[in-house]
Amino acid sequence: MELIGRVQGLTPDGVADQTAGALDGRRAWQVHCSDVVNRERHLTVVVDKGRVVLMGPPGETAVLSAGQLGQLRTVLREAADQAER
């Protein structure tokens, strides 16, 4: 699990806008995973306007180990707490 910084929001196509240092920016996290052929990938979790957004590897399946699933659970809890604020 990696806190990747702050994002200002999402672009119309749902991609995180990585504008660093934005005063109203929200936190974003990446959880490392792999795809079905064991290539390294990541899931991104962003809070946007009171919603938790989970973005997977484009066009792929995310495969998580038990440890990575625990990290995702932790990130989703943190994001849910922030979305309620």
N, C-alpha and C. Protein backbone atom coordinates (compact mmCIF):
# COMPACT_ATOMS: atom_id res chain seq x y z
N MET A 1 0.85 -1.17 0.00
CA MET A 1 0.00 0.00 0.00
C MET A 1 0.89 1.22 0.00
N GLU A 2 0.51 2.17 -0.81
CA GLU A 2 1.32 3.37 -0.95
C GLU A 2 0.41 4.58 -1.10
N LEU A 3 0.59 5.57 -0.21
CA LEU A 3 -0.12 6.83 -0.37
C LEU A 3 0.60 7.57 -1.47
N ILE A 4 -0.08 7.82 -2.59
CA ILE A 4 0.61 8.41 -3.75
C ILE A 4 0.48 9.92 -3.78
N GLY A 5 -0.20 10.48 -2.81
CA GLY A 5 -0.28 11.93 -2.76
C GLY A 5 -1.70 12.41 -2.79
N ARG A 6 -1.84 13.61 -3.28
CA ARG A 6 -3.15 14.24 -3.33
C ARG A 6 -3.56 14.45 -4.77
N VAL A 7 -4.84 14.32 -5.00
CA VAL A 7 -5.37 14.57 -6.33
C VAL A 7 -6.42 15.65 -6.22
N GLN A 8 -6.55 16.44 -7.23
CA GLN A 8 -7.54 17.52 -7.21
C GLN A 8 -8.93 16.98 -7.51
N GLY A 9 -9.01 16.00 -8.32
CA GLY A 9 -10.31 15.42 -8.67
C GLY A 9 -10.14 14.42 -9.78
N LEU A 10 -11.22 14.11 -10.42
CA LEU A 10 -11.16 13.17 -11.52
C LEU A 10 -11.50 13.89 -12.81
N THR A 11 -10.86 13.51 -13.87
CA THR A 11 -11.18 14.05 -15.18
C THR A 11 -12.49 13.42 -15.63
N PRO A 12 -13.14 13.95 -16.66
CA PRO A 12 -14.43 13.39 -17.10
C PRO A 12 -14.38 11.90 -17.42
N ASP A 13 -13.23 11.37 -17.81
CA ASP A 13 -13.16 9.94 -18.14
C ASP A 13 -12.83 9.09 -16.92
N GLY A 14 -12.83 9.69 -15.71
CA GLY A 14 -12.64 8.94 -14.48
C GLY A 14 -11.20 8.73 -14.08
N VAL A 15 -10.26 9.39 -14.74
CA VAL A 15 -8.85 9.25 -14.42
C VAL A 15 -8.47 10.30 -13.39
N ALA A 16 -7.66 9.92 -12.42
CA ALA A 16 -7.25 10.85 -11.38
C ALA A 16 -6.41 11.97 -11.97
N ASP A 17 -6.75 13.20 -11.61
CA ASP A 17 -5.98 14.37 -12.00
C ASP A 17 -4.88 14.55 -10.96
N GLN A 18 -3.65 14.28 -11.32
CA GLN A 18 -2.54 14.26 -10.37
C GLN A 18 -1.98 15.65 -10.11
N THR A 19 -2.82 16.65 -9.86
CA THR A 19 -2.36 18.00 -9.57
C THR A 19 -1.87 18.04 -8.14
N ALA A 20 -0.58 18.00 -7.96
CA ALA A 20 -0.01 17.94 -6.62
C ALA A 20 -0.15 19.27 -5.92
N GLY A 21 -0.33 19.21 -4.60
CA GLY A 21 -0.34 20.41 -3.80
C GLY A 21 -1.62 21.19 -3.84
N ALA A 22 -2.66 20.67 -4.41
CA ALA A 22 -3.93 21.38 -4.47
C ALA A 22 -4.49 21.50 -3.06
N LEU A 23 -4.98 22.68 -2.70
CA LEU A 23 -5.48 22.91 -1.36
C LEU A 23 -6.69 22.05 -1.06
N ASP A 24 -7.54 21.82 -2.06
CA ASP A 24 -8.72 21.00 -1.83
C ASP A 24 -8.49 19.56 -2.28
N GLY A 25 -7.25 19.18 -2.47
CA GLY A 25 -6.94 17.85 -2.98
C GLY A 25 -7.33 16.77 -2.00
N ARG A 26 -7.61 15.62 -2.54
CA ARG A 26 -7.96 14.45 -1.75
C ARG A 26 -6.83 13.45 -1.83
N ARG A 27 -6.79 12.57 -0.85
CA ARG A 27 -5.74 11.57 -0.85
C ARG A 27 -6.03 10.47 -1.86
N ALA A 28 -4.96 9.89 -2.35
CA ALA A 28 -5.07 8.76 -3.27
C ALA A 28 -4.05 7.71 -2.86
N TRP A 29 -4.43 6.46 -3.01
CA TRP A 29 -3.57 5.35 -2.63
C TRP A 29 -3.42 4.39 -3.79
N GLN A 30 -2.30 3.65 -3.78
CA GLN A 30 -2.12 2.55 -4.73
C GLN A 30 -1.85 1.29 -3.94
N VAL A 31 -2.52 0.22 -4.31
CA VAL A 31 -2.29 -1.10 -3.74
C VAL A 31 -1.71 -1.96 -4.85
N HIS A 32 -0.54 -2.50 -4.62
CA HIS A 32 0.11 -3.33 -5.63
C HIS A 32 -0.60 -4.67 -5.75
N CYS A 33 -0.68 -5.16 -6.96
CA CYS A 33 -1.29 -6.46 -7.25
C CYS A 33 -0.62 -7.00 -8.49
N SER A 34 -1.19 -8.02 -9.08
CA SER A 34 -0.67 -8.54 -10.34
C SER A 34 -1.87 -8.84 -11.24
N ASP A 35 -1.59 -9.13 -12.50
CA ASP A 35 -2.66 -9.54 -13.39
C ASP A 35 -2.63 -11.06 -13.50
N VAL A 36 -3.46 -11.63 -14.35
CA VAL A 36 -3.58 -13.09 -14.41
C VAL A 36 -2.33 -13.79 -14.94
N VAL A 37 -1.43 -13.05 -15.58
CA VAL A 37 -0.17 -13.66 -16.03
C VAL A 37 1.00 -13.17 -15.18
N ASN A 38 0.67 -12.70 -13.97
CA ASN A 38 1.65 -12.35 -12.94
C ASN A 38 2.50 -11.11 -13.26
N ARG A 39 1.99 -10.20 -14.09
CA ARG A 39 2.68 -8.93 -14.31
C ARG A 39 2.31 -7.98 -13.18
N GLU A 40 3.26 -7.16 -12.74
CA GLU A 40 3.00 -6.22 -11.66
C GLU A 40 2.03 -5.13 -12.11
N ARG A 41 0.98 -4.92 -11.34
CA ARG A 41 -0.03 -3.91 -11.60
C ARG A 41 -0.40 -3.24 -10.29
N HIS A 42 -1.36 -2.32 -10.31
CA HIS A 42 -1.83 -1.71 -9.08
C HIS A 42 -3.29 -1.28 -9.21
N LEU A 43 -3.94 -1.21 -8.06
CA LEU A 43 -5.28 -0.65 -7.94
C LEU A 43 -5.11 0.73 -7.33
N THR A 44 -5.87 1.70 -7.78
CA THR A 44 -5.81 3.05 -7.24
C THR A 44 -7.14 3.35 -6.56
N VAL A 45 -7.07 3.92 -5.36
CA VAL A 45 -8.26 4.32 -4.61
C VAL A 45 -8.19 5.82 -4.41
N VAL A 46 -9.25 6.52 -4.79
CA VAL A 46 -9.31 7.99 -4.70
C VAL A 46 -10.64 8.37 -4.07
N VAL A 47 -10.63 9.43 -3.26
CA VAL A 47 -11.88 10.00 -2.76
C VAL A 47 -12.18 11.22 -3.60
N ASP A 48 -13.40 11.26 -4.18
CA ASP A 48 -13.80 12.37 -5.03
C ASP A 48 -15.22 12.78 -4.69
N LYS A 49 -15.37 13.98 -4.15
CA LYS A 49 -16.69 14.55 -3.85
C LYS A 49 -17.56 13.60 -3.03
N GLY A 50 -16.98 13.06 -1.96
CA GLY A 50 -17.73 12.20 -1.07
C GLY A 50 -17.92 10.78 -1.56
N ARG A 51 -17.26 10.42 -2.67
CA ARG A 51 -17.36 9.07 -3.21
C ARG A 51 -15.99 8.41 -3.19
N VAL A 52 -15.96 7.12 -2.98
CA VAL A 52 -14.71 6.35 -3.05
C VAL A 52 -14.65 5.73 -4.44
N VAL A 53 -13.56 6.01 -5.15
CA VAL A 53 -13.39 5.52 -6.52
C VAL A 53 -12.27 4.49 -6.52
N LEU A 54 -12.56 3.30 -7.02
CA LEU A 54 -11.59 2.22 -7.13
C LEU A 54 -11.30 2.02 -8.61
N MET A 55 -10.04 2.25 -8.99
CA MET A 55 -9.64 2.12 -10.39
C MET A 55 -8.67 0.94 -10.52
N GLY A 56 -9.02 -0.01 -11.34
CA GLY A 56 -8.18 -1.18 -11.56
C GLY A 56 -7.27 -1.00 -12.75
N PRO A 57 -6.44 -1.99 -13.01
CA PRO A 57 -5.59 -1.93 -14.20
C PRO A 57 -6.47 -1.86 -15.44
N PRO A 58 -6.22 -0.91 -16.34
CA PRO A 58 -7.08 -0.75 -17.52
C PRO A 58 -7.21 -2.04 -18.33
N GLY A 59 -8.44 -2.49 -18.52
CA GLY A 59 -8.70 -3.66 -19.35
C GLY A 59 -8.17 -4.96 -18.81
N GLU A 60 -7.86 -5.03 -17.53
CA GLU A 60 -7.26 -6.24 -16.98
C GLU A 60 -7.96 -6.67 -15.71
N THR A 61 -7.57 -7.80 -15.20
CA THR A 61 -8.05 -8.34 -13.95
C THR A 61 -6.98 -8.14 -12.89
N ALA A 62 -7.38 -7.71 -11.70
CA ALA A 62 -6.44 -7.56 -10.60
C ALA A 62 -6.47 -8.81 -9.74
N VAL A 63 -5.30 -9.37 -9.49
CA VAL A 63 -5.16 -10.56 -8.64
C VAL A 63 -4.41 -10.13 -7.39
N LEU A 64 -5.03 -10.33 -6.22
CA LEU A 64 -4.44 -9.88 -4.95
C LEU A 64 -4.13 -11.07 -4.05
N SER A 65 -2.99 -11.01 -3.41
CA SER A 65 -2.64 -12.00 -2.39
C SER A 65 -3.42 -11.65 -1.11
N ALA A 66 -3.36 -12.50 -0.12
CA ALA A 66 -4.05 -12.23 1.15
C ALA A 66 -3.52 -10.94 1.77
N GLY A 67 -2.21 -10.72 1.71
CA GLY A 67 -1.63 -9.50 2.26
C GLY A 67 -2.06 -8.25 1.50
N GLN A 68 -2.10 -8.35 0.19
CA GLN A 68 -2.54 -7.22 -0.63
C GLN A 68 -4.01 -6.93 -0.41
N LEU A 69 -4.81 -7.96 -0.21
CA LEU A 69 -6.22 -7.77 0.08
C LEU A 69 -6.40 -7.05 1.42
N GLY A 70 -5.59 -7.38 2.39
CA GLY A 70 -5.61 -6.67 3.67
C GLY A 70 -5.26 -5.20 3.50
N GLN A 71 -4.29 -4.91 2.65
CA GLN A 71 -3.91 -3.52 2.38
C GLN A 71 -5.07 -2.78 1.71
N LEU A 72 -5.74 -3.44 0.77
CA LEU A 72 -6.87 -2.82 0.09
C LEU A 72 -7.99 -2.53 1.09
N ARG A 73 -8.25 -3.45 1.99
CA ARG A 73 -9.27 -3.25 3.01
C ARG A 73 -8.94 -2.03 3.87
N THR A 74 -7.69 -1.89 4.27
CA THR A 74 -7.26 -0.75 5.07
C THR A 74 -7.44 0.56 4.31
N VAL A 75 -7.03 0.57 3.04
CA VAL A 75 -7.17 1.77 2.21
C VAL A 75 -8.63 2.14 2.03
N LEU A 76 -9.48 1.15 1.78
CA LEU A 76 -10.90 1.43 1.58
C LEU A 76 -11.54 1.99 2.85
N ARG A 77 -11.12 1.52 4.02
CA ARG A 77 -11.62 2.09 5.28
C ARG A 77 -11.20 3.55 5.42
N GLU A 78 -9.93 3.83 5.15
CA GLU A 78 -9.44 5.21 5.24
C GLU A 78 -10.19 6.11 4.26
N ALA A 79 -10.38 5.63 3.04
CA ALA A 79 -11.07 6.42 2.03
C ALA A 79 -12.53 6.65 2.42
N ALA A 80 -13.18 5.64 2.97
CA ALA A 80 -14.58 5.79 3.40
C ALA A 80 -14.67 6.83 4.51
N ASP A 81 -13.74 6.81 5.45
CA ASP A 81 -13.73 7.81 6.52
C ASP A 81 -13.58 9.22 5.94
N GLN A 82 -12.67 9.37 4.98
CA GLN A 82 -12.45 10.68 4.38
C GLN A 82 -13.66 11.13 3.56
N ALA A 83 -14.31 10.21 2.90
CA ALA A 83 -15.47 10.55 2.06
C ALA A 83 -16.63 11.07 2.92
N GLU A 84 -16.71 10.63 4.16
CA GLU A 84 -17.78 11.07 5.05
C GLU A 84 -17.58 12.48 5.58
N ARG A 85 -16.39 13.01 5.46
CA ARG A 85 -16.09 14.35 6.00
C ARG A 85 -16.69 15.43 5.16
